[in-house]
Amino acid sequence: MIRDQVREFVRLGCPLPSEQDNSEEGDEAFDEMERALHAIEKPVTDEEALLLVTCFGDDDCFGLA
């Protein structure tokens, strides 16, 4: 089962933006993704973890990754 909080984060942040995106629009989107990620309570299920891992890219996404 995948919780709504996980689905919301994936909807907003998959894939997470690159650290090279320093636009104001990127800042607003990042803040929303950060709130959504922190709304996910631990522990996550295996199914949720597999879905979440698809959102993370090659860099640290300003520490969010």
PDB file of N, CA and C in Angstrom:
ATOM      1  N   MET A   1       0.845  -1.178   0.000  1.00  0.00           N
ATOM      2  CA  MET A   1       0.000   0.000   0.000  1.00  0.00           C
ATOM      3  C   MET A   1       0.890   1.240   0.000  1.00  0.00           C
ATOM      4  N   ILE A   2       0.530   2.182  -0.830  1.00  0.00           N
ATOM      5  CA  ILE A   2       1.294   3.429  -0.916  1.00  0.00           C
ATOM      6  C   ILE A   2       0.434   4.546  -0.336  1.00  0.00           C
ATOM      7  N   ARG A   3       0.983   5.223   0.666  1.00  0.00           N
ATOM      8  CA  ARG A   3       0.242   6.286   1.339  1.00  0.00           C
ATOM      9  C   ARG A   3       0.162   7.543   0.470  1.00  0.00           C
ATOM     10  N   ASP A   4      -0.854   8.357   0.763  1.00  0.00           N
ATOM     11  CA  ASP A   4      -1.088   9.590   0.016  1.00  0.00           C
ATOM     12  C   ASP A   4       0.112  10.533   0.089  1.00  0.00           C
ATOM     13  N   GLN A   5       0.797  10.592   1.232  1.00  0.00           N
ATOM     14  CA  GLN A   5       1.949  11.486   1.383  1.00  0.00           C
ATOM     15  C   GLN A   5       3.071  11.101   0.418  1.00  0.00           C
ATOM     16  N   VAL A   6       3.273   9.809   0.234  1.00  0.00           N
ATOM     17  CA  VAL A   6       4.304   9.340  -0.695  1.00  0.00           C
ATOM     18  C   VAL A   6       3.890   9.677  -2.125  1.00  0.00           C
ATOM     19  N   ARG A   7       2.641   9.435  -2.456  1.00  0.00           N
ATOM     20  CA  ARG A   7       2.143   9.763  -3.797  1.00  0.00           C
ATOM     21  C   ARG A   7       2.293  11.264  -4.091  1.00  0.00           C
ATOM     22  N   GLU A   8       2.020  12.092  -3.104  1.00  0.00           N
ATOM     23  CA  GLU A   8       2.135  13.545  -3.285  1.00  0.00           C
ATOM     24  C   GLU A   8       3.584  13.946  -3.529  1.00  0.00           C
ATOM     25  N   PHE A   9       4.518  13.394  -2.766  1.00  0.00           N
ATOM     26  CA  PHE A   9       5.920  13.724  -2.982  1.00  0.00           C
ATOM     27  C   PHE A   9       6.363  13.299  -4.381  1.00  0.00           C
ATOM     28  N   VAL A  10       5.984  12.108  -4.788  1.00  0.00           N
ATOM     29  CA  VAL A  10       6.368  11.618  -6.114  1.00  0.00           C
ATOM     30  C   VAL A  10       5.758  12.509  -7.190  1.00  0.00           C
ATOM     31  N   ARG A  11       4.537  12.930  -6.989  1.00  0.00           N
ATOM     32  CA  ARG A  11       3.885  13.821  -7.970  1.00  0.00           C
ATOM     33  C   ARG A  11       4.650  15.135  -8.091  1.00  0.00           C
ATOM     34  N   LEU A  12       5.100  15.669  -6.963  1.00  0.00           N
ATOM     35  CA  LEU A  12       5.788  16.961  -6.959  1.00  0.00           C
ATOM     36  C   LEU A  12       7.256  16.868  -7.342  1.00  0.00           C
ATOM     37  N   GLY A  13       7.908  15.796  -6.952  1.00  0.00           N
ATOM     38  CA  GLY A  13       9.352  15.803  -7.025  1.00  0.00           C
ATOM     39  C   GLY A  13      10.003  14.664  -7.761  1.00  0.00           C
ATOM     40  N   CYS A  14       9.359  14.149  -8.755  1.00  0.00           N
ATOM     41  CA  CYS A  14       9.962  13.037  -9.464  1.00  0.00           C
ATOM     42  C   CYS A  14      10.191  13.421 -10.909  1.00  0.00           C
ATOM     43  N   PRO A  15      11.408  13.622 -11.312  1.00  0.00           N
ATOM     44  CA  PRO A  15      12.635  13.570 -10.523  1.00  0.00           C
ATOM     45  C   PRO A  15      12.870  14.887  -9.793  1.00  0.00           C
ATOM     46  N   LEU A  16      13.664  14.824  -8.746  1.00  0.00           N
ATOM     47  CA  LEU A  16      14.038  16.035  -8.024  1.00  0.00           C
ATOM     48  C   LEU A  16      14.845  16.939  -8.952  1.00  0.00           C
ATOM     49  N   PRO A  17      14.724  18.254  -8.782  1.00  0.00           N
ATOM     50  CA  PRO A  17      15.466  19.160  -9.658  1.00  0.00           C
ATOM     51  C   PRO A  17      16.969  19.085  -9.390  1.00  0.00           C
ATOM     52  N   SER A  18      17.718  19.429 -10.391  1.00  0.00           N
ATOM     53  CA  SER A  18      19.168  19.446 -10.271  1.00  0.00           C
ATOM     54  C   SER A  18      19.612  20.646  -9.444  1.00  0.00           C
ATOM     55  N   GLU A  19      20.758  20.522  -8.805  1.00  0.00           N
ATOM     56  CA  GLU A  19      21.322  21.649  -8.051  1.00  0.00           C
ATOM     57  C   GLU A  19      21.683  22.812  -8.975  1.00  0.00           C
ATOM     58  N   GLN A  20      21.738  22.563 -10.257  1.00  0.00           N
ATOM     59  CA  GLN A  20      22.062  23.617 -11.214  1.00  0.00           C
ATOM     60  C   GLN A  20      20.875  24.535 -11.481  1.00  0.00           C
ATOM     61  N   ASP A  21      19.683  24.154 -11.039  1.00  0.00           N
ATOM     62  CA  ASP A  21      18.482  24.990 -11.194  1.00  0.00           C
ATOM     63  C   ASP A  21      18.397  25.936 -10.005  1.00  0.00           C
ATOM     64  N   ASN A  22      18.796  27.176 -10.214  1.00  0.00           N
ATOM     65  CA  ASN A  22      18.753  28.153  -9.125  1.00  0.00           C
ATOM     66  C   ASN A  22      17.741  29.262  -9.404  1.00  0.00           C
ATOM     67  N   SER A  23      16.700  28.935 -10.164  1.00  0.00           N
ATOM     68  CA  SER A  23      15.668  29.910 -10.484  1.00  0.00           C
ATOM     69  C   SER A  23      14.723  30.108  -9.307  1.00  0.00           C
ATOM     70  N   GLU A  24      14.019  31.248  -9.311  1.00  0.00           N
ATOM     71  CA  GLU A  24      13.033  31.501  -8.260  1.00  0.00           C
ATOM     72  C   GLU A  24      11.902  30.477  -8.325  1.00  0.00           C
ATOM     73  N   GLU A  25      11.513  30.120  -9.532  1.00  0.00           N
ATOM     74  CA  GLU A  25      10.470  29.105  -9.696  1.00  0.00           C
ATOM     75  C   GLU A  25      10.942  27.777  -9.107  1.00  0.00           C
ATOM     76  N   GLY A  26      12.210  27.460  -9.312  1.00  0.00           N
ATOM     77  CA  GLY A  26      12.787  26.251  -8.740  1.00  0.00           C
ATOM     78  C   GLY A  26      12.792  26.293  -7.226  1.00  0.00           C
ATOM     79  N   ASP A  27      13.032  27.486  -6.655  1.00  0.00           N
ATOM     80  CA  ASP A  27      13.033  27.639  -5.195  1.00  0.00           C
ATOM     81  C   ASP A  27      11.658  27.344  -4.606  1.00  0.00           C
ATOM     82  N   GLU A  28      10.623  27.866  -5.245  1.00  0.00           N
ATOM     83  CA  GLU A  28       9.262  27.630  -4.759  1.00  0.00           C
ATOM     84  C   GLU A  28       8.902  26.150  -4.848  1.00  0.00           C
ATOM     85  N   ALA A  29       9.259  25.536  -5.955  1.00  0.00           N
ATOM     86  CA  ALA A  29       8.972  24.111  -6.132  1.00  0.00           C
ATOM     87  C   ALA A  29       9.747  23.284  -5.112  1.00  0.00           C
ATOM     88  N   PHE A  30      10.993  23.674  -4.851  1.00  0.00           N
ATOM     89  CA  PHE A  30      11.819  22.955  -3.883  1.00  0.00           C
ATOM     90  C   PHE A  30      11.189  23.009  -2.502  1.00  0.00           C
ATOM     91  N   ASP A  31      10.708  24.175  -2.089  1.00  0.00           N
ATOM     92  CA  ASP A  31      10.080  24.312  -0.774  1.00  0.00           C
ATOM     93  C   ASP A  31       8.871  23.386  -0.647  1.00  0.00           C
ATOM     94  N   GLU A  32       8.091  23.300  -1.704  1.00  0.00           N
ATOM     95  CA  GLU A  32       6.910  22.432  -1.683  1.00  0.00           C
ATOM     96  C   GLU A  32       7.315  20.952  -1.624  1.00  0.00           C
ATOM     97  N   MET A  33       8.357  20.593  -2.375  1.00  0.00           N
ATOM     98  CA  MET A  33       8.844  19.214  -2.345  1.00  0.00           C
ATOM     99  C   MET A  33       9.416  18.861  -0.970  1.00  0.00           C
ATOM    100  N   GLU A  34      10.116  19.810  -0.369  1.00  0.00           N
ATOM    101  CA  GLU A  34      10.695  19.571   0.959  1.00  0.00           C
ATOM    102  C   GLU A  34       9.600  19.318   1.988  1.00  0.00           C
ATOM    103  N   ARG A  35       8.543  20.129   1.957  1.00  0.00           N
ATOM    104  CA  ARG A  35       7.422  19.921   2.880  1.00  0.00           C
ATOM    105  C   ARG A  35       6.778  18.555   2.653  1.00  0.00           C
ATOM    106  N   ALA A  36       6.615  18.190   1.388  1.00  0.00           N
ATOM    107  CA  ALA A  36       5.985  16.908   1.064  1.00  0.00           C
ATOM    108  C   ALA A  36       6.849  15.742   1.535  1.00  0.00           C
ATOM    109  N   LEU A  37       8.157  15.852   1.378  1.00  0.00           N
ATOM    110  CA  LEU A  37       9.046  14.777   1.810  1.00  0.00           C
ATOM    111  C   LEU A  37       9.013  14.621   3.325  1.00  0.00           C
ATOM    112  N   HIS A  38       9.028  15.737   4.035  1.00  0.00           N
ATOM    113  CA  HIS A  38       9.018  15.679   5.498  1.00  0.00           C
ATOM    114  C   HIS A  38       7.672  15.231   6.062  1.00  0.00           C
ATOM    115  N   ALA A  39       6.634  15.253   5.244  1.00  0.00           N
ATOM    116  CA  ALA A  39       5.309  14.792   5.683  1.00  0.00           C
ATOM    117  C   ALA A  39       5.199  13.267   5.677  1.00  0.00           C
ATOM    118  N   ILE A  40       6.171  12.610   5.066  1.00  0.00           N
ATOM    119  CA  ILE A  40       6.145  11.143   5.002  1.00  0.00           C
ATOM    120  C   ILE A  40       6.691  10.593   6.315  1.00  0.00           C
ATOM    121  N   GLU A  41       5.838   9.890   7.031  1.00  0.00           N
ATOM    122  CA  GLU A  41       6.248   9.325   8.316  1.00  0.00           C
ATOM    123  C   GLU A  41       6.960   7.997   8.105  1.00  0.00           C
ATOM    124  N   LYS A  42       7.958   7.771   8.936  1.00  0.00           N
ATOM    125  CA  LYS A  42       8.706   6.510   8.902  1.00  0.00           C
ATOM    126  C   LYS A  42       7.964   5.477   9.722  1.00  0.00           C
ATOM    127  N   PRO A  43       8.139   4.242   9.424  1.00  0.00           N
ATOM    128  CA  PRO A  43       8.919   3.684   8.321  1.00  0.00           C
ATOM    129  C   PRO A  43       8.091   3.653   7.041  1.00  0.00           C
ATOM    130  N   VAL A  44       8.793   3.625   5.913  1.00  0.00           N
ATOM    131  CA  VAL A  44       8.113   3.459   4.632  1.00  0.00           C
ATOM    132  C   VAL A  44       8.101   1.971   4.294  1.00  0.00           C
ATOM    133  N   THR A  45       7.134   1.583   3.515  1.00  0.00           N
ATOM    134  CA  THR A  45       7.054   0.186   3.085  1.00  0.00           C
ATOM    135  C   THR A  45       8.056  -0.047   1.957  1.00  0.00           C
ATOM    136  N   ASP A  46       8.307  -1.305   1.651  1.00  0.00           N
ATOM    137  CA  ASP A  46       9.196  -1.630   0.531  1.00  0.00           C
ATOM    138  C   ASP A  46       8.654  -1.036  -0.770  1.00  0.00           C
ATOM    139  N   GLU A  47       7.361  -1.126  -0.946  1.00  0.00           N
ATOM    140  CA  GLU A  47       6.719  -0.594  -2.154  1.00  0.00           C
ATOM    141  C   GLU A  47       6.908   0.923  -2.236  1.00  0.00           C
ATOM    142  N   GLU A  48       6.746   1.608  -1.116  1.00  0.00           N
ATOM    143  CA  GLU A  48       6.948   3.062  -1.086  1.00  0.00           C
ATOM    144  C   GLU A  48       8.408   3.411  -1.347  1.00  0.00           C
ATOM    145  N   ALA A  49       9.321   2.647  -0.754  1.00  0.00           N
ATOM    146  CA  ALA A  49      10.754   2.908  -0.944  1.00  0.00           C
ATOM    147  C   ALA A  49      11.141   2.768  -2.413  1.00  0.00           C
ATOM    148  N   LEU A  50      10.624   1.760  -3.065  1.00  0.00           N
ATOM    149  CA  LEU A  50      10.929   1.567  -4.485  1.00  0.00           C
ATOM    150  C   LEU A  50      10.419   2.732  -5.326  1.00  0.00           C
ATOM    151  N   LEU A  51       9.291   3.264  -4.969  1.00  0.00           N
ATOM    152  CA  LEU A  51       8.733   4.408  -5.679  1.00  0.00           C
ATOM    153  C   LEU A  51       9.535   5.677  -5.383  1.00  0.00           C
ATOM    154  N   LEU A  52       9.877   5.886  -4.124  1.00  0.00           N
ATOM    155  CA  LEU A  52      10.621   7.079  -3.726  1.00  0.00           C
ATOM    156  C   LEU A  52      12.008   7.139  -4.355  1.00  0.00           C
ATOM    157  N   VAL A  53      12.678   6.021  -4.432  1.00  0.00           N
ATOM    158  CA  VAL A  53      14.046   6.011  -4.945  1.00  0.00           C
ATOM    159  C   VAL A  53      14.100   6.463  -6.410  1.00  0.00           C
ATOM    160  N   THR A  54      13.023   6.332  -7.137  1.00  0.00           N
ATOM    161  CA  THR A  54      13.007   6.775  -8.535  1.00  0.00           C
ATOM    162  C   THR A  54      13.064   8.293  -8.653  1.00  0.00           C
ATOM    163  N   CYS A  55      12.816   9.001  -7.570  1.00  0.00           N
ATOM    164  CA  CYS A  55      12.795  10.465  -7.595  1.00  0.00           C
ATOM    165  C   CYS A  55      14.186  11.081  -7.468  1.00  0.00           C
ATOM    166  N   PHE A  56      15.131  10.326  -6.966  1.00  0.00           N
ATOM    167  CA  PHE A  56      16.442  10.879  -6.662  1.00  0.00           C
ATOM    168  C   PHE A  56      17.379  10.722  -7.847  1.00  0.00           C
ATOM    169  N   GLY A  57      18.042  11.843  -8.188  1.00  0.00           N
ATOM    170  CA  GLY A  57      18.909  11.875  -9.354  1.00  0.00           C
ATOM    171  C   GLY A  57      20.375  11.760  -9.014  1.00  0.00           C
ATOM    172  N   ASP A  58      21.179  12.397  -9.835  1.00  0.00           N
ATOM    173  CA  ASP A  58      22.637  12.282  -9.743  1.00  0.00           C
ATOM    174  C   ASP A  58      23.281  13.181  -8.709  1.00  0.00           C
ATOM    175  N   ASP A  59      22.583  14.231  -8.296  1.00  0.00           N
ATOM    176  CA  ASP A  59      23.204  15.121  -7.312  1.00  0.00           C
ATOM    177  C   ASP A  59      22.397  15.140  -6.009  1.00  0.00           C
ATOM    178  N   ASP A  60      22.785  16.008  -5.112  1.00  0.00           N
ATOM    179  CA  ASP A  60      22.217  16.030  -3.755  1.00  0.00           C
ATOM    180  C   ASP A  60      20.948  16.873  -3.644  1.00  0.00           C
ATOM    181  N   CYS A  61      20.552  17.540  -4.724  1.00  0.00           N
ATOM    182  CA  CYS A  61      19.357  18.389  -4.749  1.00  0.00           C
ATOM    183  C   CYS A  61      19.319  19.322  -3.533  1.00  0.00           C
ATOM    184  N   PHE A  62      20.402  20.083  -3.379  1.00  0.00           N
ATOM    185  CA  PHE A  62      20.508  21.092  -2.315  1.00  0.00           C
ATOM    186  C   PHE A  62      20.301  20.496  -0.928  1.00  0.00           C
ATOM    187  N   GLY A  63      20.728  19.245  -0.759  1.00  0.00           N
ATOM    188  CA  GLY A  63      20.621  18.583   0.542  1.00  0.00           C
ATOM    189  C   GLY A  63      19.333  17.807   0.758  1.00  0.00           C
ATOM    190  N   LEU A  64      18.374  17.933  -0.127  1.00  0.00           N
ATOM    191  CA  LEU A  64      17.102  17.229   0.047  1.00  0.00           C
ATOM    192  C   LEU A  64      17.287  15.725  -0.145  1.00  0.00           C
ATOM    193  N   ALA A  65      18.154  15.359  -1.065  1.00  0.00           N
ATOM    194  CA  ALA A  65      18.390  13.924  -1.320  1.00  0.00           C
ATOM    195  C   ALA A  65      19.053  13.304  -0.110  1.00  0.00           C
TER     196      ALA A  65
END
